[in-house]
Full PDB file with SEQRES, HELIX, SHEET, SSBOND, CRYST1, ORIGX, SCALE, CONECT and MASTER records, all heavy atoms in Angstrom:
SEQRES   1 A   39  SER PRO ASP LEU PRO GLY CYS VAL ALA VAL GLY ASP THR          
SEQRES   2 A   39  PRO GLU GLU VAL GLU LYS ASN MET HIS GLU ALA ILE LYS          
SEQRES   3 A   39  ILE HIS VAL GLN GLY MET ILE GLU ASP HIS GLU PRO ILE          
HELIX    1 AA1 PRO A   14  GLU A   34  1                                  21    
CRYST1    1.000    1.000    1.000  90.00  90.00  90.00 P 1           1          
ORIGX1      1.000000  0.000000  0.000000        0.00000                         
ORIGX2      0.000000  1.000000  0.000000        0.00000                         
ORIGX3      0.000000  0.000000  1.000000        0.00000                         
SCALE1      1.000000  0.000000  0.000000        0.00000                         
SCALE2      0.000000  1.000000  0.000000        0.00000                         
SCALE3      0.000000  0.000000  1.000000        0.00000                         
ATOM      1  N   SER A   1     237.290  71.322 187.703  1.00  0.00           N  
ATOM      2  CA  SER A   1     238.470  70.502 187.941  1.00  0.00           C  
ATOM      3  C   SER A   1     239.046  70.112 186.593  1.00  0.00           C  
ATOM      4  O   SER A   1     238.381  69.422 185.808  1.00  0.00           O  
ATOM      5  CB  SER A   1     238.109  69.245 188.736  1.00  0.00           C  
ATOM      6  OG  SER A   1     239.266  68.444 188.879  1.00  0.00           O  
ATOM      7  N   PRO A   2     240.278  70.550 186.286  1.00  0.00           N  
ATOM      8  CA  PRO A   2     240.870  70.209 184.987  1.00  0.00           C  
ATOM      9  C   PRO A   2     240.988  68.703 184.750  1.00  0.00           C  
ATOM     10  O   PRO A   2     240.984  68.274 183.595  1.00  0.00           O  
ATOM     11  CB  PRO A   2     242.263  70.849 185.053  1.00  0.00           C  
ATOM     12  CG  PRO A   2     242.163  71.900 186.093  1.00  0.00           C  
ATOM     13  CD  PRO A   2     241.148  71.410 187.078  1.00  0.00           C  
ATOM     14  N   ASP A   3     241.070  67.915 185.791  1.00  0.00           N  
ATOM     15  CA  ASP A   3     241.198  66.470 185.645  1.00  0.00           C  
ATOM     16  C   ASP A   3     239.859  65.753 185.524  1.00  0.00           C  
ATOM     17  O   ASP A   3     239.829  64.539 185.306  1.00  0.00           O  
ATOM     18  CB  ASP A   3     241.991  65.891 186.816  1.00  0.00           C  
ATOM     19  CG  ASP A   3     243.441  66.357 186.800  1.00  0.00           C  
ATOM     20  OD1 ASP A   3     244.075  66.281 185.725  1.00  0.00           O  
ATOM     21  OD2 ASP A   3     243.927  66.811 187.847  1.00  0.00           O  
ATOM     22  N   LEU A   4     238.751  66.492 185.671  1.00  0.00           N  
ATOM     23  CA  LEU A   4     237.411  65.912 185.535  1.00  0.00           C  
ATOM     24  C   LEU A   4     236.588  66.773 184.574  1.00  0.00           C  
ATOM     25  O   LEU A   4     235.737  67.558 184.998  1.00  0.00           O  
ATOM     26  CB  LEU A   4     236.714  65.844 186.895  1.00  0.00           C  
ATOM     27  CG  LEU A   4     237.319  64.905 187.918  1.00  0.00           C  
ATOM     28  CD1 LEU A   4     236.683  65.127 189.291  1.00  0.00           C  
ATOM     29  CD2 LEU A   4     237.162  63.452 187.483  1.00  0.00           C  
ATOM     30  N   PRO A   5     236.840  66.650 183.283  1.00  0.00           N  
ATOM     31  CA  PRO A   5     236.109  67.484 182.311  1.00  0.00           C  
ATOM     32  C   PRO A   5     234.595  67.380 182.504  1.00  0.00           C  
ATOM     33  O   PRO A   5     234.058  66.295 182.704  1.00  0.00           O  
ATOM     34  CB  PRO A   5     236.525  66.910 180.959  1.00  0.00           C  
ATOM     35  CG  PRO A   5     237.844  66.261 181.222  1.00  0.00           C  
ATOM     36  CD  PRO A   5     237.759  65.738 182.638  1.00  0.00           C  
ATOM     37  N   GLY A   6     233.939  68.531 182.481  1.00  0.00           N  
ATOM     38  CA  GLY A   6     232.492  68.583 182.618  1.00  0.00           C  
ATOM     39  C   GLY A   6     232.001  68.683 184.050  1.00  0.00           C  
ATOM     40  O   GLY A   6     230.812  68.860 184.285  1.00  0.00           O  
ATOM     41  N   CYS A   7     232.891  68.584 185.002  1.00  0.00           N  
ATOM     42  CA  CYS A   7     232.504  68.682 186.408  1.00  0.00           C  
ATOM     43  C   CYS A   7     232.700  70.123 186.857  1.00  0.00           C  
ATOM     44  O   CYS A   7     233.839  70.591 186.991  1.00  0.00           O  
ATOM     45  CB  CYS A   7     233.340  67.717 187.247  1.00  0.00           C  
ATOM     46  SG  CYS A   7     232.784  67.602 188.957  1.00  0.00           S  
ATOM     47  N   VAL A   8     231.592  70.831 187.068  1.00  0.00           N  
ATOM     48  CA  VAL A   8     231.633  72.256 187.395  1.00  0.00           C  
ATOM     49  C   VAL A   8     230.640  72.567 188.509  1.00  0.00           C  
ATOM     50  O   VAL A   8     229.738  71.785 188.791  1.00  0.00           O  
ATOM     51  CB  VAL A   8     231.312  73.127 186.156  1.00  0.00           C  
ATOM     52  CG1 VAL A   8     232.328  72.897 185.062  1.00  0.00           C  
ATOM     53  CG2 VAL A   8     229.914  72.850 185.641  1.00  0.00           C  
ATOM     54  N   ALA A   9     230.816  73.745 189.119  1.00  0.00           N  
ATOM     55  CA  ALA A   9     229.882  74.203 190.154  1.00  0.00           C  
ATOM     56  C   ALA A   9     229.930  75.724 190.213  1.00  0.00           C  
ATOM     57  O   ALA A   9     230.890  76.343 189.731  1.00  0.00           O  
ATOM     58  CB  ALA A   9     230.240  73.615 191.511  1.00  0.00           C  
ATOM     59  N   VAL A  10     228.898  76.312 190.800  1.00  0.00           N  
ATOM     60  CA  VAL A  10     228.846  77.761 191.025  1.00  0.00           C  
ATOM     61  C   VAL A  10     228.430  78.022 192.464  1.00  0.00           C  
ATOM     62  O   VAL A  10     227.888  77.153 193.140  1.00  0.00           O  
ATOM     63  CB  VAL A  10     227.872  78.482 190.058  1.00  0.00           C  
ATOM     64  CG1 VAL A  10     228.325  78.344 188.622  1.00  0.00           C  
ATOM     65  CG2 VAL A  10     226.462  77.965 190.217  1.00  0.00           C  
ATOM     66  N   GLY A  11     228.693  79.255 192.913  1.00  0.00           N  
ATOM     67  CA  GLY A  11     228.284  79.659 194.253  1.00  0.00           C  
ATOM     68  C   GLY A  11     228.430  81.146 194.421  1.00  0.00           C  
ATOM     69  O   GLY A  11     229.120  81.811 193.636  1.00  0.00           O  
ATOM     70  N   ASP A  12     227.789  81.680 195.429  1.00  0.00           N  
ATOM     71  CA  ASP A  12     227.830  83.120 195.677  1.00  0.00           C  
ATOM     72  C   ASP A  12     229.130  83.584 196.331  1.00  0.00           C  
ATOM     73  O   ASP A  12     229.474  84.758 196.265  1.00  0.00           O  
ATOM     74  CB  ASP A  12     226.646  83.539 196.557  1.00  0.00           C  
ATOM     75  CG  ASP A  12     225.318  83.422 195.822  1.00  0.00           C  
ATOM     76  OD1 ASP A  12     225.309  83.566 194.583  1.00  0.00           O  
ATOM     77  OD2 ASP A  12     224.296  83.180 196.487  1.00  0.00           O  
ATOM     78  N   THR A  13     229.838  82.682 197.003  1.00  0.00           N  
ATOM     79  CA  THR A  13     231.085  83.009 197.677  1.00  0.00           C  
ATOM     80  C   THR A  13     232.116  81.933 197.331  1.00  0.00           C  
ATOM     81  O   THR A  13     231.750  80.830 196.886  1.00  0.00           O  
ATOM     82  CB  THR A  13     230.904  83.034 199.210  1.00  0.00           C  
ATOM     83  OG1 THR A  13     230.564  81.700 199.642  1.00  0.00           O  
ATOM     84  CG2 THR A  13     229.821  84.024 199.639  1.00  0.00           C  
ATOM     85  N   PRO A  14     233.407  82.214 197.562  1.00  0.00           N  
ATOM     86  CA  PRO A  14     234.404  81.159 197.338  1.00  0.00           C  
ATOM     87  C   PRO A  14     234.137  79.918 198.193  1.00  0.00           C  
ATOM     88  O   PRO A  14     234.303  78.789 197.735  1.00  0.00           O  
ATOM     89  CB  PRO A  14     235.725  81.822 197.734  1.00  0.00           C  
ATOM     90  CG  PRO A  14     235.493  83.286 197.572  1.00  0.00           C  
ATOM     91  CD  PRO A  14     234.038  83.497 197.907  1.00  0.00           C  
ATOM     92  N   GLU A  15     233.700  80.132 199.417  1.00  0.00           N  
ATOM     93  CA  GLU A  15     233.407  78.999 200.302  1.00  0.00           C  
ATOM     94  C   GLU A  15     232.231  78.168 199.779  1.00  0.00           C  
ATOM     95  O   GLU A  15     232.263  76.941 199.835  1.00  0.00           O  
ATOM     96  CB  GLU A  15     233.107  79.497 201.719  1.00  0.00           C  
ATOM     97  CG  GLU A  15     234.271  80.168 202.399  1.00  0.00           C  
ATOM     98  CD  GLU A  15     234.510  81.629 201.963  1.00  0.00           C  
ATOM     99  OE1 GLU A  15     233.613  82.255 201.367  1.00  0.00           O  
ATOM    100  OE2 GLU A  15     235.620  82.116 202.212  1.00  0.00           O  
ATOM    101  N   GLU A  16     231.208  78.857 199.279  1.00  0.00           N  
ATOM    102  CA  GLU A  16     230.041  78.136 198.760  1.00  0.00           C  
ATOM    103  C   GLU A  16     230.392  77.357 197.501  1.00  0.00           C  
ATOM    104  O   GLU A  16     229.990  76.203 197.349  1.00  0.00           O  
ATOM    105  CB  GLU A  16     228.887  79.107 198.483  1.00  0.00           C  
ATOM    106  CG  GLU A  16     227.646  78.389 197.994  1.00  0.00           C  
ATOM    107  CD  GLU A  16     226.475  79.316 197.727  1.00  0.00           C  
ATOM    108  OE1 GLU A  16     226.673  80.547 197.592  1.00  0.00           O  
ATOM    109  OE2 GLU A  16     225.343  78.804 197.631  1.00  0.00           O  
ATOM    110  N   VAL A  17     231.162  77.959 196.600  1.00  0.00           N  
ATOM    111  CA  VAL A  17     231.514  77.235 195.375  1.00  0.00           C  
ATOM    112  C   VAL A  17     232.428  76.052 195.688  1.00  0.00           C  
ATOM    113  O   VAL A  17     232.315  75.001 195.066  1.00  0.00           O  
ATOM    114  CB  VAL A  17     232.107  78.165 194.288  1.00  0.00           C  
ATOM    115  CG1 VAL A  17     233.544  78.541 194.569  1.00  0.00           C  
ATOM    116  CG2 VAL A  17     232.002  77.516 192.917  1.00  0.00           C  
ATOM    117  N   GLU A  18     233.289  76.197 196.695  1.00  0.00           N  
ATOM    118  CA  GLU A  18     234.139  75.067 197.083  1.00  0.00           C  
ATOM    119  C   GLU A  18     233.286  73.929 197.636  1.00  0.00           C  
ATOM    120  O   GLU A  18     233.490  72.759 197.293  1.00  0.00           O  
ATOM    121  CB  GLU A  18     235.168  75.507 198.109  1.00  0.00           C  
ATOM    122  CG  GLU A  18     236.116  74.399 198.500  1.00  0.00           C  
ATOM    123  CD  GLU A  18     237.206  74.855 199.459  1.00  0.00           C  
ATOM    124  OE1 GLU A  18     237.480  76.066 199.543  1.00  0.00           O  
ATOM    125  OE2 GLU A  18     237.774  73.979 200.132  1.00  0.00           O  
ATOM    126  N   LYS A  19     232.327  74.253 198.475  1.00  0.00           N  
ATOM    127  CA  LYS A  19     231.409  73.243 199.024  1.00  0.00           C  
ATOM    128  C   LYS A  19     230.616  72.578 197.899  1.00  0.00           C  
ATOM    129  O   LYS A  19     230.482  71.349 197.853  1.00  0.00           O  
ATOM    130  CB  LYS A  19     230.466  73.912 200.019  1.00  0.00           C  
ATOM    131  CG  LYS A  19     229.396  73.018 200.603  1.00  0.00           C  
ATOM    132  CD  LYS A  19     228.526  73.800 201.600  1.00  0.00           C  
ATOM    133  CE  LYS A  19     227.168  73.214 201.762  1.00  0.00           C  
ATOM    134  NZ  LYS A  19     226.226  73.483 200.700  1.00  0.00           N  
ATOM    135  N   ASN A  20     230.101  73.386 196.973  1.00  0.00           N  
ATOM    136  CA  ASN A  20     229.326  72.845 195.855  1.00  0.00           C  
ATOM    137  C   ASN A  20     230.190  71.980 194.938  1.00  0.00           C  
ATOM    138  O   ASN A  20     229.733  70.954 194.423  1.00  0.00           O  
ATOM    139  CB  ASN A  20     228.670  73.974 195.062  1.00  0.00           C  
ATOM    140  CG  ASN A  20     227.604  74.690 195.845  1.00  0.00           C  
ATOM    141  OD1 ASN A  20     227.147  74.220 196.889  1.00  0.00           O  
ATOM    142  ND2 ASN A  20     227.200  75.863 195.382  1.00  0.00           N  
ATOM    143  N   MET A  21     231.443  72.391 194.747  1.00  0.00           N  
ATOM    144  CA  MET A  21     232.345  71.614 193.895  1.00  0.00           C  
ATOM    145  C   MET A  21     232.703  70.297 194.558  1.00  0.00           C  
ATOM    146  O   MET A  21     232.802  69.265 193.892  1.00  0.00           O  
ATOM    147  CB  MET A  21     233.600  72.445 193.592  1.00  0.00           C  
ATOM    148  CG  MET A  21     234.462  71.857 192.510  1.00  0.00           C  
ATOM    149  SD  MET A  21     233.578  71.801 190.946  1.00  0.00           S  
ATOM    150  CE  MET A  21     234.717  70.803 190.003  1.00  0.00           C  
ATOM    151  N   HIS A  22     232.863  70.308 195.866  1.00  0.00           N  
ATOM    152  CA  HIS A  22     233.125  69.068 196.607  1.00  0.00           C  
ATOM    153  C   HIS A  22     232.001  68.065 196.345  1.00  0.00           C  
ATOM    154  O   HIS A  22     232.248  66.888 196.046  1.00  0.00           O  
ATOM    155  CB  HIS A  22     233.240  69.381 198.106  1.00  0.00           C  
ATOM    156  CG  HIS A  22     233.652  68.229 198.932  1.00  0.00           C  
ATOM    157  ND1 HIS A  22     232.756  67.349 199.478  1.00  0.00           N  
ATOM    158  CD2 HIS A  22     234.880  67.801 199.314  1.00  0.00           C  
ATOM    159  CE1 HIS A  22     233.413  66.432 200.158  1.00  0.00           C  
ATOM    160  NE2 HIS A  22     234.698  66.684 200.086  1.00  0.00           N  
ATOM    161  N   GLU A  23     230.773  68.527 196.435  1.00  0.00           N  
ATOM    162  CA  GLU A  23     229.619  67.652 196.191  1.00  0.00           C  
ATOM    163  C   GLU A  23     229.559  67.223 194.728  1.00  0.00           C  
ATOM    164  O   GLU A  23     229.260  66.061 194.419  1.00  0.00           O  
ATOM    165  CB  GLU A  23     228.328  68.359 196.604  1.00  0.00           C  
ATOM    166  CG  GLU A  23     227.116  67.467 196.629  1.00  0.00           C  
ATOM    167  CD  GLU A  23     227.207  66.322 197.632  1.00  0.00           C  
ATOM    168  OE1 GLU A  23     227.929  66.433 198.637  1.00  0.00           O  
ATOM    169  OE2 GLU A  23     226.540  65.298 197.400  1.00  0.00           O  
ATOM    170  N   ALA A  24     229.850  68.143 193.813  1.00  0.00           N  
ATOM    171  CA  ALA A  24     229.824  67.820 192.379  1.00  0.00           C  
ATOM    172  C   ALA A  24     230.854  66.739 192.046  1.00  0.00           C  
ATOM    173  O   ALA A  24     230.569  65.821 191.268  1.00  0.00           O  
ATOM    174  CB  ALA A  24     230.082  69.075 191.553  1.00  0.00           C  
ATOM    175  N   ILE A  25     232.042  66.842 192.628  1.00  0.00           N  
ATOM    176  CA  ILE A  25     233.072  65.832 192.369  1.00  0.00           C  
ATOM    177  C   ILE A  25     232.653  64.484 192.925  1.00  0.00           C  
ATOM    178  O   ILE A  25     232.816  63.452 192.266  1.00  0.00           O  
ATOM    179  CB  ILE A  25     234.435  66.278 192.938  1.00  0.00           C  
ATOM    180  CG1 ILE A  25     234.980  67.441 192.110  1.00  0.00           C  
ATOM    181  CG2 ILE A  25     235.425  65.115 192.951  1.00  0.00           C  
ATOM    182  CD1 ILE A  25     236.241  68.062 192.677  1.00  0.00           C  
ATOM    183  N   LYS A  26     232.092  64.458 194.135  1.00  0.00           N  
ATOM    184  CA  LYS A  26     231.619  63.192 194.706  1.00  0.00           C  
ATOM    185  C   LYS A  26     230.600  62.531 193.781  1.00  0.00           C  
ATOM    186  O   LYS A  26     230.689  61.330 193.502  1.00  0.00           O  
ATOM    187  CB  LYS A  26     230.999  63.423 196.088  1.00  0.00           C  
ATOM    188  CG  LYS A  26     232.015  63.609 197.178  1.00  0.00           C  
ATOM    189  CD  LYS A  26     231.428  63.945 198.536  1.00  0.00           C  
ATOM    190  CE  LYS A  26     230.171  63.235 198.902  1.00  0.00           C  
ATOM    191  NZ  LYS A  26     229.646  63.612 200.238  1.00  0.00           N  
ATOM    192  N   ILE A  27     229.644  63.311 193.298  1.00  0.00           N  
ATOM    193  CA  ILE A  27     228.606  62.771 192.406  1.00  0.00           C  
ATOM    194  C   ILE A  27     229.212  62.324 191.080  1.00  0.00           C  
ATOM    195  O   ILE A  27     228.877  61.256 190.555  1.00  0.00           O  
ATOM    196  CB  ILE A  27     227.494  63.818 192.196  1.00  0.00           C  
ATOM    197  CG1 ILE A  27     226.725  64.035 193.500  1.00  0.00           C  
ATOM    198  CG2 ILE A  27     226.570  63.412 191.050  1.00  0.00           C  
ATOM    199  CD1 ILE A  27     225.805  65.237 193.497  1.00  0.00           C  
ATOM    200  N   HIS A  28     230.110  63.126 190.538  1.00  0.00           N  
ATOM    201  CA  HIS A  28     230.753  62.824 189.259  1.00  0.00           C  
ATOM    202  C   HIS A  28     231.532  61.505 189.346  1.00  0.00           C  
ATOM    203  O   HIS A  28     231.369  60.620 188.493  1.00  0.00           O  
ATOM    204  CB  HIS A  28     231.683  63.988 188.875  1.00  0.00           C  
ATOM    205  CG  HIS A  28     232.203  63.924 187.485  1.00  0.00           C  
ATOM    206  ND1 HIS A  28     231.558  64.487 186.418  1.00  0.00           N  
ATOM    207  CD2 HIS A  28     233.337  63.370 186.994  1.00  0.00           C  
ATOM    208  CE1 HIS A  28     232.258  64.286 185.324  1.00  0.00           C  
ATOM    209  NE2 HIS A  28     233.344  63.617 185.647  1.00  0.00           N  
ATOM    210  N   VAL A  29     232.372  61.376 190.373  1.00  0.00           N  
ATOM    211  CA  VAL A  29     233.188  60.174 190.522  1.00  0.00           C  
ATOM    212  C   VAL A  29     232.309  58.961 190.816  1.00  0.00           C  
ATOM    213  O   VAL A  29     232.535  57.870 190.273  1.00  0.00           O  
ATOM    214  CB  VAL A  29     234.271  60.381 191.603  1.00  0.00           C  
ATOM    215  CG1 VAL A  29     234.972  59.069 191.948  1.00  0.00           C  
ATOM    216  CG2 VAL A  29     235.288  61.418 191.143  1.00  0.00           C  
ATOM    217  N   GLN A  30     231.289  59.129 191.648  1.00  0.00           N  
ATOM    218  CA  GLN A  30     230.374  58.007 191.924  1.00  0.00           C  
ATOM    219  C   GLN A  30     229.696  57.537 190.639  1.00  0.00           C  
ATOM    220  O   GLN A  30     229.548  56.336 190.414  1.00  0.00           O  
ATOM    221  CB  GLN A  30     229.328  58.401 192.970  1.00  0.00           C  
ATOM    222  CG  GLN A  30     228.472  57.245 193.429  1.00  0.00           C  
ATOM    223  CD  GLN A  30     229.265  56.126 194.072  1.00  0.00           C  
ATOM    224  OE1 GLN A  30     230.146  56.364 194.891  1.00  0.00           O  
ATOM    225  NE2 GLN A  30     228.983  54.898 193.689  1.00  0.00           N  
ATOM    226  N   GLY A  31     229.297  58.478 189.785  1.00  0.00           N  
ATOM    227  CA  GLY A  31     228.692  58.109 188.503  1.00  0.00           C  
ATOM    228  C   GLY A  31     229.667  57.341 187.619  1.00  0.00           C  
ATOM    229  O   GLY A  31     229.279  56.381 186.930  1.00  0.00           O  
ATOM    230  N   MET A  32     230.931  57.750 187.620  1.00  0.00           N  
ATOM    231  CA  MET A  32     231.938  57.035 186.837  1.00  0.00           C  
ATOM    232  C   MET A  32     232.117  55.610 187.361  1.00  0.00           C  
ATOM    233  O   MET A  32     232.234  54.670 186.566  1.00  0.00           O  
ATOM    234  CB  MET A  32     233.268  57.791 186.871  1.00  0.00           C  
ATOM    235  CG  MET A  32     233.208  59.145 186.185  1.00  0.00           C  
ATOM    236  SD  MET A  32     234.773  60.026 186.251  1.00  0.00           S  
ATOM    237  CE  MET A  32     235.603  59.207 184.885  1.00  0.00           C  
ATOM    238  N   ILE A  33     232.120  55.461 188.679  1.00  0.00           N  
ATOM    239  CA  ILE A  33     232.245  54.125 189.277  1.00  0.00           C  
ATOM    240  C   ILE A  33     231.049  53.268 188.877  1.00  0.00           C  
ATOM    241  O   ILE A  33     231.209  52.117 188.457  1.00  0.00           O  
ATOM    242  CB  ILE A  33     232.374  54.221 190.809  1.00  0.00           C  
ATOM    243  CG1 ILE A  33     233.731  54.844 191.181  1.00  0.00           C  
ATOM    244  CG2 ILE A  33     232.196  52.854 191.468  1.00  0.00           C  
ATOM    245  CD1 ILE A  33     233.859  55.257 192.640  1.00  0.00           C  
ATOM    246  N   GLU A  34     229.844  53.811 188.978  1.00  0.00           N  
ATOM    247  CA  GLU A  34     228.635  53.062 188.618  1.00  0.00           C  
ATOM    248  C   GLU A  34     228.615  52.692 187.141  1.00  0.00           C  
ATOM    249  O   GLU A  34     228.079  51.639 186.774  1.00  0.00           O  
ATOM    250  CB  GLU A  34     227.393  53.875 188.989  1.00  0.00           C  
ATOM    251  CG  GLU A  34     227.186  53.994 190.483  1.00  0.00           C  
ATOM    252  CD  GLU A  34     226.082  54.967 190.863  1.00  0.00           C  
ATOM    253  OE1 GLU A  34     225.385  55.487 189.964  1.00  0.00           O  
ATOM    254  OE2 GLU A  34     225.924  55.200 192.079  1.00  0.00           O  
ATOM    255  N   ASP A  35     229.203  53.543 186.294  1.00  0.00           N  
ATOM    256  CA  ASP A  35     229.255  53.270 184.851  1.00  0.00           C  
ATOM    257  C   ASP A  35     230.480  52.447 184.459  1.00  0.00           C  
ATOM    258  O   ASP A  35     230.741  52.256 183.261  1.00  0.00           O  
ATOM    259  CB  ASP A  35     229.242  54.587 184.066  1.00  0.00           C  
ATOM    260  CG  ASP A  35     227.920  55.316 184.178  1.00  0.00           C  
ATOM    261  OD1 ASP A  35     226.903  54.684 184.549  1.00  0.00           O  
ATOM    262  OD2 ASP A  35     227.893  56.532 183.888  1.00  0.00           O  
ATOM    263  N   HIS A  36     231.233  51.988 185.452  1.00  0.00           N  
ATOM    264  CA  HIS A  36     232.439  51.194 185.228  1.00  0.00           C  
ATOM    265  C   HIS A  36     233.460  51.919 184.361  1.00  0.00           C  
ATOM    266  O   HIS A  36     234.151  51.300 183.545  1.00  0.00           O  
ATOM    267  CB  HIS A  36     232.093  49.823 184.623  1.00  0.00           C  
ATOM    268  CG  HIS A  36     231.101  49.065 185.439  1.00  0.00           C  
ATOM    269  ND1 HIS A  36     231.424  48.471 186.643  1.00  0.00           N  
ATOM    270  CD2 HIS A  36     229.775  48.833 185.254  1.00  0.00           C  
ATOM    271  CE1 HIS A  36     230.351  47.886 187.147  1.00  0.00           C  
ATOM    272  NE2 HIS A  36     229.336  48.096 186.331  1.00  0.00           N  
ATOM    273  N   GLU A  37     233.551  53.227 184.545  1.00  0.00           N  
ATOM    274  CA  GLU A  37     234.551  54.032 183.844  1.00  0.00           C  
ATOM    275  C   GLU A  37     235.758  54.216 184.759  1.00  0.00           C  
ATOM    276  O   GLU A  37     235.611  54.275 185.981  1.00  0.00           O  
ATOM    277  CB  GLU A  37     233.979  55.406 183.496  1.00  0.00           C  
ATOM    278  CG  GLU A  37     232.831  55.365 182.525  1.00  0.00           C  
ATOM    279  CD  GLU A  37     232.246  56.750 182.262  1.00  0.00           C  
ATOM    280  OE1 GLU A  37     232.853  57.759 182.682  1.00  0.00           O  
ATOM    281  OE2 GLU A  37     231.174  56.807 181.656  1.00  0.00           O  
ATOM    282  N   PRO A  38     236.940  54.309 184.175  1.00  0.00           N  
ATOM    283  CA  PRO A  38     238.121  54.518 185.024  1.00  0.00           C  
ATOM    284  C   PRO A  38     238.121  55.930 185.625  1.00  0.00           C  
ATOM    285  O   PRO A  38     237.736  56.897 184.967  1.00  0.00           O  
ATOM    286  CB  PRO A  38     239.297  54.340 184.058  1.00  0.00           C  
ATOM    287  CG  PRO A  38     238.727  54.641 182.709  1.00  0.00           C  
ATOM    288  CD  PRO A  38     237.270  54.229 182.766  1.00  0.00           C  
ATOM    289  N   ILE A  39     238.537  56.021 186.865  1.00  0.00           N  
ATOM    290  CA  ILE A  39     238.660  57.323 187.525  1.00  0.00           C  
ATOM    291  C   ILE A  39     239.994  57.924 187.072  1.00  0.00           C  
ATOM    292  O   ILE A  39     241.039  57.275 187.197  1.00  0.00           O  
ATOM    293  CB  ILE A  39     238.634  57.176 189.064  1.00  0.00           C  
ATOM    294  CG1 ILE A  39     237.393  56.409 189.517  1.00  0.00           C  
ATOM    295  CG2 ILE A  39     238.708  58.540 189.734  1.00  0.00           C  
ATOM    296  CD1 ILE A  39     236.083  56.963 189.039  1.00  0.00           C  
TER     297      ILE A  39                                                      
MASTER        0    0    0    1    0    0    0    6  296    1    0    3          
END                                                                             
């Protein structure tokens, strides 16, 4: 995601990488919230 530097994912299919990226973004944003960083 160009708007979330360092947030990446991989997968064997486009559908799998999209699913993995969805989870990666959730974790990334939750970590930013916990660290009191602006989204």
